[in-house]
Amino acid sequence: MLDFRPPLDTPWLISIVKILLPLYMKLALGDTTVSVSPEALKRFTALKGKRALICPNHSNRHDPQVMFAFSKLVGEDFNFIAAREVFDWDHGMNGWWLQHVGAYSVVRGAVDRESFKMTRELLTAGRKKLVLFPEGEISRQNDTLMPLESGAAQLSFWALSDVKKNSPDDTLHIIPMALKYTYPFDIGSGLRSCLKQLENKMGIKLHVESSNGDGQDHEDDIDSVRLRIRSVCEKLLTALEHEYRVPEGTNMSMNDRADRLRKAILAKVARRLNVELPSGQRELEHVRILRNAIDDFVYEDQKDGSQYEQKIHEEEAANIKACYRDLGRVVNFIAIYDGYVTEHTTQERCADVIDRLETEILGGEPSLKGSRRVLIDVGEPVDLSQYWADYKANKKAAVNKVTDSIYAQISSMLLALERTREPVYLK
């Protein structure tokens, strides 16, 4: 099991990071800014100095930086929960920064007792608000929400039980938040450039007869980015079906093909790890079970084994690590569907899909497509004391009720943010 990384809050470093943050957001994050309405700020600042867990949606890899920028805006410092594996990025330097600005680790989907204990202690103490992304994974989908994990509500109720032992009248709030990434300026040329790179990588040749019949390539004659995105997706599905020995589904819908492919990948990894996946659970839960099984093997302590035993373990671990890529592939396409672009052809939706294709086809992180404005809304804080009697009577039902309330608020805020802005549609 991966070792726990505690928060090592360093006030002077946090202050310096906040001073340099605007420069970082402009240069490193492609000119990303945040926009919060006065009403949303008022709802948040009404709980200044109060115990609270902040629960934003998690559509983008830069959500932590955006929440750090929000903390500067409201004049507070937050603690953050981050997936354990990100602490090892950049040879551990990423983890050093994370810990010193107030983040600590959790092994997703596992019974990480050290992390749970830390969460409970921080919420009970209430010195800082805590940020937890309840989707548990980056959805890479800017308009909708994946099902939420119940852990946010459960951990909050545990902390509230500790609070009430000493202060029966005190409470703890959960603050739903919505983050929506927008491109306020036209990024059509950037999207087409990304598509061209993907098409080249997939061996897709654009060949369109021009009006003068010269038979040359005229990319500008393609009037719909949607058709090009679909072409790349179909070629990708065919390649992955071949790779995972799944019969080519040319007569199936793209949604059915993707669904079958995800199930095939999960089944393959489960066989490789000799893990039986429980029926009736969501694919994301299966991903977490399998990821934890990989972690358990790769990071198994072999210090008491012979040199030869350590050697063969390292060899097998190197082979099993390839399964991380398989699971990443499932997560990358778990929340997307055919029609996501065609039903609402904003440039943000096109960017969402192209981001996924870049991650899969080009590897690494997707490119930044242009200047971004992140719209932030704050929901009505959920006062857990109002659910305390329900929790004592039926813990699971109360946890589900609070989780459903958080989900409903975030979903509504995302829809409202879309309605109140002026989107740029691809031509």
Protein backbone atom coordinates (compact mmCIF):
# COMPACT_ATOMS: atom_id res chain seq x y z
CA MET A 1 0.00 0.00 0.00
CA LEU A 2 1.22 3.49 -0.80
CA ASP A 3 2.40 5.39 2.25
CA PHE A 4 0.30 8.26 3.56
CA ARG A 5 1.47 11.81 2.87
CA PRO A 6 0.25 14.25 5.57
CA PRO A 7 -0.30 18.00 5.09
CA LEU A 8 2.72 20.12 5.99
CA ASP A 9 1.11 23.57 5.82
CA THR A 10 3.80 26.21 5.45
CA PRO A 11 2.25 29.69 5.82
CA TRP A 12 5.12 31.70 4.34
CA LEU A 13 5.24 29.44 1.26
CA ILE A 14 1.46 29.62 0.82
CA SER A 15 1.69 33.43 0.92
CA ILE A 16 4.42 33.48 -1.75
CA VAL A 17 2.46 31.07 -3.96
CA LYS A 18 -0.60 33.31 -3.72
CA ILE A 19 1.45 36.35 -4.70
CA LEU A 20 2.84 34.56 -7.76
CA LEU A 21 -0.43 32.83 -8.63
CA PRO A 22 -1.68 35.34 -11.26
CA LEU A 23 1.58 34.97 -13.19
CA TYR A 24 1.37 31.18 -12.93
CA MET A 25 -2.25 31.14 -14.13
CA LYS A 26 -1.32 33.29 -17.13
CA LEU A 27 1.89 31.61 -18.22
CA ALA A 28 1.55 27.99 -17.10
CA LEU A 29 -2.21 27.56 -17.43
CA GLY A 30 -2.74 29.31 -20.74
CA ASP A 31 -4.17 32.55 -19.35
CA THR A 32 -6.78 31.08 -16.99
CA THR A 33 -8.89 33.44 -14.89
CA VAL A 34 -11.72 32.86 -12.42
CA SER A 35 -15.05 34.64 -12.26
CA VAL A 36 -17.35 34.50 -9.22
CA SER A 37 -20.63 36.39 -8.81
CA PRO A 38 -21.08 38.65 -5.76
CA GLU A 39 -24.00 36.48 -4.63
CA ALA A 40 -21.84 33.34 -4.71
CA LEU A 41 -19.08 35.08 -2.76
CA LYS A 42 -21.61 36.21 -0.18
CA ARG A 43 -22.87 32.65 0.34
CA PHE A 44 -19.33 31.43 0.84
CA THR A 45 -18.03 34.20 3.09
CA ALA A 46 -21.08 33.83 5.35
CA LEU A 47 -19.31 30.72 6.68
CA LYS A 48 -15.95 32.40 7.24
CA GLY A 49 -14.28 30.81 10.26
CA LYS A 50 -16.81 27.96 10.32
CA ARG A 51 -16.18 24.24 9.95
CA ALA A 52 -16.87 23.26 6.35
CA LEU A 53 -16.10 20.73 3.66
CA ILE A 54 -16.01 22.22 0.13
CA CYS A 55 -17.27 19.88 -2.60
CA PRO A 56 -16.68 21.12 -6.18
CA ASN A 57 -17.19 19.13 -9.37
CA HIS A 58 -13.97 17.79 -10.91
CA SER A 59 -14.00 18.24 -14.68
CA ASN A 60 -10.44 19.43 -15.24
CA ARG A 61 -6.90 18.60 -14.09
CA HIS A 62 -6.45 22.26 -13.10
CA ASP A 63 -9.31 22.29 -10.59
CA PRO A 64 -6.92 22.33 -7.59
CA GLN A 65 -5.19 25.44 -8.91
CA VAL A 66 -8.56 27.08 -9.54
CA MET A 67 -9.65 26.30 -5.98
CA PHE A 68 -6.36 27.73 -4.71
CA ALA A 69 -7.11 30.91 -6.67
CA PHE A 70 -10.58 30.94 -5.11
CA SER A 71 -9.03 30.67 -1.64
CA LYS A 72 -7.01 33.78 -2.38
CA LEU A 73 -10.14 35.56 -3.58
CA VAL A 74 -12.06 34.83 -0.35
CA GLY A 75 -9.05 35.50 1.91
CA GLU A 76 -8.82 31.99 3.38
CA ASP A 77 -6.38 29.08 3.25
CA PHE A 78 -7.75 25.62 2.48
CA ASN A 79 -6.56 22.08 2.98
CA PHE A 80 -6.88 19.71 0.02
CA ILE A 81 -7.24 15.97 -0.46
CA ALA A 82 -5.35 14.61 -3.48
CA ALA A 83 -4.92 11.14 -4.97
CA ARG A 84 -1.84 9.46 -3.55
CA GLU A 85 -0.18 8.80 -6.90
CA VAL A 86 0.11 12.51 -7.80
CA PHE A 87 2.52 13.00 -4.89
CA ASP A 88 5.10 10.93 -6.78
CA TRP A 89 4.99 12.97 -9.98
CA ASP A 90 8.13 14.84 -11.04
CA HIS A 91 10.27 12.53 -8.89
CA GLY A 92 8.41 13.55 -5.76
CA MET A 93 8.71 17.33 -6.25
CA ASN A 94 4.98 17.59 -6.97
CA GLY A 95 4.28 15.95 -3.64
CA TRP A 96 6.62 18.31 -1.79
CA TRP A 97 4.72 21.33 -3.12
CA LEU A 98 1.33 19.76 -2.47
CA GLN A 99 2.10 18.91 1.13
CA HIS A 100 3.57 22.33 1.93
CA VAL A 101 0.53 24.18 0.55
CA GLY A 102 -1.81 22.07 2.67
CA ALA A 103 -2.64 18.93 0.67
CA TYR A 104 -2.57 15.35 1.89
CA SER A 105 -3.03 12.01 0.21
CA VAL A 106 -5.79 9.45 -0.15
CA VAL A 107 -5.67 6.11 -1.92
CA ARG A 108 -8.83 6.30 -4.02
CA GLY A 109 -11.36 3.55 -3.47
CA ALA A 110 -9.41 1.95 -0.62
CA VAL A 111 -9.95 1.95 3.13
CA ASP A 112 -7.19 4.50 3.68
CA ARG A 113 -7.42 4.77 7.46
CA GLU A 114 -4.64 7.34 7.81
CA SER A 115 -6.29 9.65 5.30
CA PHE A 116 -9.75 9.15 6.81
CA LYS A 117 -8.35 9.92 10.25
CA MET A 118 -6.70 13.11 8.98
CA THR A 119 -9.91 14.23 7.27
CA ARG A 120 -11.88 13.67 10.45
CA GLU A 121 -9.34 15.57 12.55
CA LEU A 122 -9.16 18.55 10.17
CA LEU A 123 -12.93 18.87 9.89
CA THR A 124 -13.37 18.55 13.65
CA ALA A 125 -10.71 21.18 14.38
CA GLY A 126 -12.17 23.53 11.76
CA ARG A 127 -9.10 25.73 11.48
CA LYS A 128 -9.29 25.60 7.69
CA LYS A 129 -11.95 24.54 5.25
CA LEU A 130 -11.20 21.32 3.42
CA VAL A 131 -11.55 20.78 -0.35
CA LEU A 132 -12.65 17.32 -1.51
CA PHE A 133 -13.75 16.47 -5.06
CA PRO A 134 -16.64 14.05 -4.50
CA GLU A 135 -16.64 12.60 -8.04
CA GLY A 136 -13.33 10.96 -7.14
CA GLU A 137 -12.00 11.17 -10.71
CA ILE A 138 -11.54 13.89 -13.30
CA SER A 139 -14.68 13.66 -15.43
CA ARG A 140 -13.26 15.68 -18.35
CA GLN A 141 -16.85 16.67 -19.04
CA ASN A 142 -17.61 20.31 -18.49
CA ASP A 143 -21.40 20.33 -18.51
CA THR A 144 -22.43 17.28 -16.51
CA LEU A 145 -21.58 15.50 -13.29
CA MET A 146 -20.51 11.91 -12.66
CA PRO A 147 -22.21 10.07 -9.76
CA LEU A 148 -20.75 11.25 -6.46
CA GLU A 149 -18.99 9.03 -3.97
CA SER A 150 -20.65 8.90 -0.55
CA GLY A 151 -17.34 9.43 1.28
CA ALA A 152 -17.69 13.21 1.53
CA ALA A 153 -20.93 12.99 3.48
CA GLN A 154 -19.81 9.99 5.54
CA LEU A 155 -16.53 11.59 6.63
CA SER A 156 -18.39 14.80 7.49
CA PHE A 157 -20.86 12.96 9.70
CA TRP A 158 -17.99 11.20 11.48
CA ALA A 159 -16.38 14.57 12.15
CA LEU A 160 -19.69 16.03 13.33
CA SER A 161 -20.04 13.21 15.84
CA ASP A 162 -16.65 14.21 17.28
CA VAL A 163 -17.67 17.87 17.35
CA LYS A 164 -20.89 17.18 19.21
CA LYS A 165 -19.10 15.27 21.98
CA ASN A 166 -17.69 18.56 23.26
CA SER A 167 -20.02 21.11 21.69
CA PRO A 168 -23.53 19.68 21.19
CA ASP A 169 -24.84 22.85 19.56
CA ASP A 170 -22.05 23.18 16.99
CA THR A 171 -22.39 22.00 13.42
CA LEU A 172 -20.47 21.33 10.22
CA HIS A 173 -21.41 22.42 6.71
CA ILE A 174 -20.83 20.96 3.27
CA ILE A 175 -20.51 23.63 0.58
CA PRO A 176 -21.37 22.48 -2.97
CA MET A 177 -19.51 24.35 -5.70
CA ALA A 178 -19.63 24.35 -9.49
CA LEU A 179 -16.61 25.02 -11.69
CA LYS A 180 -17.28 25.58 -15.38
CA TYR A 181 -14.40 26.10 -17.81
CA THR A 182 -15.23 28.39 -20.72
CA TYR A 183 -13.39 29.78 -23.71
CA PRO A 184 -14.68 33.34 -24.06
CA PHE A 185 -12.88 33.87 -27.38
CA ASP A 186 -12.98 31.92 -30.63
CA ILE A 187 -10.66 28.88 -30.47
CA GLY A 188 -11.88 27.28 -33.70
CA SER A 189 -8.49 27.45 -35.41
CA GLY A 190 -6.83 25.85 -32.39
CA LEU A 191 -9.36 23.01 -32.32
CA ARG A 192 -8.87 22.36 -36.04
CA SER A 193 -5.12 22.32 -35.54
CA CYS A 194 -5.47 19.74 -32.76
CA LEU A 195 -7.76 17.65 -34.95
CA LYS A 196 -5.25 17.76 -37.80
CA GLN A 197 -2.57 16.39 -35.49
CA LEU A 198 -4.89 13.61 -34.31
CA GLU A 199 -5.86 12.74 -37.88
CA ASN A 200 -2.22 12.51 -38.88
CA LYS A 201 -1.50 10.24 -35.94
CA MET A 202 -4.44 7.99 -36.82
CA GLY A 203 -3.56 7.91 -40.53
CA ILE A 204 -6.71 9.75 -41.56
CA LYS A 205 -6.20 11.58 -44.83
CA LEU A 206 -8.43 14.57 -45.54
CA HIS A 207 -9.16 14.58 -49.25
CA VAL A 208 -11.93 16.77 -50.54
CA GLU A 209 -12.72 17.63 -54.14
CA SER A 210 -12.66 21.39 -54.50
CA SER A 211 -15.05 23.32 -56.69
CA ASN A 212 -12.38 23.61 -59.38
CA GLY A 213 -11.86 19.84 -59.38
CA ASP A 214 -8.12 19.98 -58.66
CA GLY A 215 -8.38 17.01 -56.27
CA GLN A 216 -6.19 18.67 -53.66
CA ASP A 217 -6.71 18.73 -49.90
CA HIS A 218 -8.84 21.68 -48.84
CA GLU A 219 -9.31 21.50 -45.10
CA ASP A 220 -11.35 24.71 -45.11
CA ASP A 221 -13.96 22.95 -47.27
CA ILE A 222 -14.81 20.71 -44.31
CA ASP A 223 -17.58 22.77 -42.73
CA SER A 224 -18.13 20.61 -39.66
CA VAL A 225 -15.59 19.80 -36.98
CA ARG A 226 -18.13 17.31 -35.68
CA LEU A 227 -17.66 14.97 -38.64
CA ARG A 228 -13.91 15.05 -38.20
CA ILE A 229 -14.19 14.29 -34.49
CA ARG A 230 -16.49 11.37 -35.25
CA SER A 231 -14.08 10.04 -37.87
CA VAL A 232 -11.22 10.03 -35.37
CA CYS A 233 -13.42 8.36 -32.73
CA GLU A 234 -14.48 5.60 -35.12
CA LYS A 235 -10.89 4.92 -36.19
CA LEU A 236 -9.82 4.87 -32.54
CA LEU A 237 -12.59 2.43 -31.54
CA THR A 238 -11.63 0.09 -34.38
CA ALA A 239 -7.96 0.15 -33.32
CA LEU A 240 -8.78 -0.53 -29.67
CA GLU A 241 -11.22 -3.32 -30.56
CA HIS A 242 -8.41 -4.99 -32.48
CA GLU A 243 -5.91 -4.46 -29.64
CA TYR A 244 -8.20 -5.97 -26.99
CA ARG A 245 -9.43 -8.80 -29.24
CA VAL A 246 -12.99 -7.48 -29.33
CA PRO A 247 -14.95 -8.18 -32.55
CA GLU A 248 -15.22 -5.05 -34.66
CA GLY A 249 -18.59 -3.44 -33.98
CA THR A 250 -19.21 -1.74 -37.29
CA ASN A 251 -22.95 -2.48 -37.05
CA MET A 252 -23.25 -1.19 -33.48
CA SER A 253 -23.73 2.34 -32.22
CA MET A 254 -20.64 4.14 -31.00
CA ASN A 255 -22.04 4.22 -27.47
CA ASP A 256 -22.55 0.45 -27.47
CA ARG A 257 -19.08 -0.12 -28.91
CA ALA A 258 -17.46 2.07 -26.25
CA ASP A 259 -19.46 0.41 -23.48
CA ARG A 260 -18.48 -3.07 -24.66
CA LEU A 261 -14.85 -2.04 -25.00
CA ARG A 262 -14.67 -0.62 -21.45
CA LYS A 263 -16.12 -3.85 -20.07
CA ALA A 264 -13.62 -5.90 -22.07
CA ILE A 265 -10.69 -3.86 -20.76
CA LEU A 266 -11.86 -4.21 -17.15
CA ALA A 267 -12.32 -7.96 -17.60
CA LYS A 268 -8.83 -8.29 -19.08
CA VAL A 269 -7.20 -6.41 -16.19
CA ALA A 270 -9.21 -8.41 -13.65
CA ARG A 271 -7.96 -11.68 -15.17
CA ARG A 272 -4.40 -10.36 -15.21
CA LEU A 273 -4.62 -9.52 -11.49
CA ASN A 274 -6.72 -12.56 -10.56
CA VAL A 275 -9.40 -10.28 -9.12
CA GLU A 276 -13.11 -11.06 -9.21
CA LEU A 277 -15.12 -7.91 -9.82
CA PRO A 278 -18.39 -7.70 -7.87
CA SER A 279 -21.51 -7.54 -10.00
CA GLY A 280 -23.92 -4.65 -9.82
CA GLN A 281 -21.29 -1.95 -9.33
CA ARG A 282 -20.44 0.96 -11.58
CA GLU A 283 -17.44 0.79 -13.89
CA LEU A 284 -15.71 3.50 -11.89
CA GLU A 285 -15.91 1.35 -8.76
CA HIS A 286 -14.39 -1.55 -10.68
CA VAL A 287 -11.57 0.74 -11.80
CA ARG A 288 -10.82 1.61 -8.18
CA ILE A 289 -10.81 -2.03 -7.08
CA LEU A 290 -8.37 -2.92 -9.82
CA ARG A 291 -6.18 0.13 -9.30
CA ASN A 292 -5.87 -0.71 -5.62
CA ALA A 293 -4.91 -4.30 -6.49
CA ILE A 294 -2.14 -2.96 -8.73
CA ASP A 295 -0.95 -0.61 -5.98
CA ASP A 296 -0.92 -3.44 -3.44
CA PHE A 297 1.31 -5.56 -5.65
CA VAL A 298 3.61 -2.86 -7.03
CA TYR A 299 4.26 -1.32 -3.63
CA GLU A 300 4.34 -4.57 -1.66
CA ASP A 301 7.15 -4.53 0.89
CA GLN A 302 9.85 -7.00 -0.22
CA LYS A 303 12.61 -5.97 2.16
CA ASP A 304 12.60 -9.35 3.93
CA GLY A 305 12.88 -11.33 0.68
CA SER A 306 16.07 -12.57 -0.90
CA GLN A 307 17.75 -10.56 -3.65
CA TYR A 308 16.33 -12.98 -6.19
CA GLU A 309 12.81 -12.67 -4.76
CA GLN A 310 13.09 -8.90 -4.90
CA LYS A 311 14.33 -9.10 -8.50
CA ILE A 312 11.46 -11.23 -9.80
CA HIS A 313 8.96 -9.08 -7.91
CA GLU A 314 10.34 -5.96 -9.60
CA GLU A 315 10.11 -7.67 -13.00
CA GLU A 316 6.49 -8.67 -12.45
CA ALA A 317 5.66 -5.24 -11.01
CA ALA A 318 7.02 -3.61 -14.17
CA ASN A 319 4.67 -5.77 -16.26
CA ILE A 320 1.64 -5.15 -14.05
CA LYS A 321 2.19 -1.38 -14.13
CA ALA A 322 1.01 -1.51 -17.75
CA CYS A 323 -2.47 -2.13 -16.36
CA TYR A 324 -2.51 1.45 -15.05
CA ARG A 325 -2.69 2.56 -18.68
CA ASP A 326 -5.61 0.20 -19.35
CA LEU A 327 -7.55 1.61 -16.40
CA GLY A 328 -6.70 5.17 -17.39
CA ARG A 329 -8.18 4.39 -20.80
CA VAL A 330 -11.45 3.28 -19.20
CA VAL A 331 -11.67 6.40 -17.02
CA ASN A 332 -10.86 8.66 -19.96
CA PHE A 333 -13.94 7.48 -21.86
CA ILE A 334 -16.24 6.59 -18.97
CA ALA A 335 -18.33 9.78 -18.99
CA ILE A 336 -18.53 10.59 -22.69
CA TYR A 337 -21.19 9.57 -25.18
CA ASP A 338 -22.01 9.85 -28.85
CA GLY A 339 -24.00 13.03 -29.33
CA TYR A 340 -22.22 15.02 -26.63
CA VAL A 341 -21.01 17.46 -29.28
CA THR A 342 -23.94 17.34 -31.71
CA GLU A 343 -26.60 18.12 -29.10
CA HIS A 344 -24.90 21.39 -28.09
CA THR A 345 -22.04 22.37 -30.39
CA THR A 346 -20.17 24.79 -28.19
CA GLN A 347 -16.44 25.01 -28.57
CA GLU A 348 -16.10 23.84 -24.95
CA ARG A 349 -17.83 20.54 -25.74
CA CYS A 350 -15.65 20.03 -28.79
CA ALA A 351 -12.60 20.76 -26.63
CA ASP A 352 -13.79 18.22 -24.04
CA VAL A 353 -13.83 15.44 -26.61
CA ILE A 354 -10.60 16.51 -28.29
CA ASP A 355 -8.91 16.61 -24.87
CA ARG A 356 -9.84 12.95 -24.36
CA LEU A 357 -8.60 12.01 -27.82
CA GLU A 358 -5.30 13.82 -27.22
CA THR A 359 -4.83 11.98 -23.93
CA GLU A 360 -5.41 8.62 -25.62
CA ILE A 361 -3.75 9.12 -29.00
CA LEU A 362 -0.92 11.54 -28.25
CA GLY A 363 -0.29 10.59 -24.62
CA GLY A 364 0.35 12.95 -21.75
CA GLU A 365 -1.84 15.87 -20.84
CA PRO A 366 -4.12 17.52 -23.41
CA SER A 367 -3.09 20.84 -24.88
CA LEU A 368 -4.49 24.18 -23.76
CA LYS A 369 -6.74 25.48 -26.52
CA GLY A 370 -6.78 29.17 -25.60
CA SER A 371 -7.55 31.67 -22.86
CA ARG A 372 -10.02 30.25 -20.34
CA ARG A 373 -12.45 31.80 -17.91
CA VAL A 374 -13.58 29.52 -15.08
CA LEU A 375 -17.07 30.41 -13.90
CA ILE A 376 -17.61 29.54 -10.23
CA ASP A 377 -20.86 29.26 -8.33
CA VAL A 378 -21.44 28.42 -4.68
CA GLY A 379 -24.49 26.49 -3.56
CA GLU A 380 -26.50 26.71 -0.38
CA PRO A 381 -24.37 25.20 2.41
CA VAL A 382 -25.74 21.92 3.72
CA ASP A 383 -26.03 22.13 7.52
CA LEU A 384 -25.40 18.58 8.73
CA SER A 385 -27.07 19.27 12.08
CA GLN A 386 -30.37 19.28 10.20
CA TYR A 387 -29.69 15.68 9.21
CA TRP A 388 -28.23 14.57 12.56
CA ALA A 389 -31.39 12.91 13.86
CA ASP A 390 -31.79 11.10 10.53
CA TYR A 391 -28.17 9.98 10.70
CA LYS A 392 -28.56 8.52 14.17
CA ALA A 393 -31.67 6.65 13.03
CA ASN A 394 -30.32 5.36 9.69
CA LYS A 395 -26.74 6.25 8.81
CA LYS A 396 -26.73 4.97 5.23
CA ALA A 397 -30.00 6.69 4.33
CA ALA A 398 -28.83 10.03 5.78
CA VAL A 399 -25.47 9.81 3.95
CA ASN A 400 -27.27 9.08 0.66
CA LYS A 401 -29.71 11.93 1.25
CA VAL A 402 -26.91 14.46 1.79
CA THR A 403 -24.97 13.10 -1.19
CA ASP A 404 -28.06 13.45 -3.39
CA SER A 405 -28.51 17.04 -2.18
CA ILE A 406 -24.92 17.91 -3.10
CA TYR A 407 -25.31 16.27 -6.51
CA ALA A 408 -28.55 18.11 -7.24
CA GLN A 409 -27.09 21.48 -6.31
CA ILE A 410 -23.90 21.09 -8.37
CA SER A 411 -25.86 19.84 -11.39
CA SER A 412 -28.28 22.77 -11.16
CA MET A 413 -25.46 25.28 -10.84
CA LEU A 414 -23.68 23.89 -13.91
CA LEU A 415 -26.87 24.26 -15.93
CA ALA A 416 -27.43 27.78 -14.61
CA LEU A 417 -23.87 28.83 -15.45
CA GLU A 418 -24.40 27.61 -19.01
CA ARG A 419 -27.69 29.51 -19.34
CA THR A 420 -26.29 32.78 -18.06
CA ARG A 421 -23.25 32.94 -20.32
CA GLU A 422 -22.91 33.61 -24.04
CA PRO A 423 -21.29 30.49 -25.49
CA VAL A 424 -19.27 30.51 -28.69
CA TYR A 425 -20.54 27.92 -31.15
CA LEU A 426 -18.35 26.29 -33.73
CA LYS A 427 -19.16 27.35 -37.24
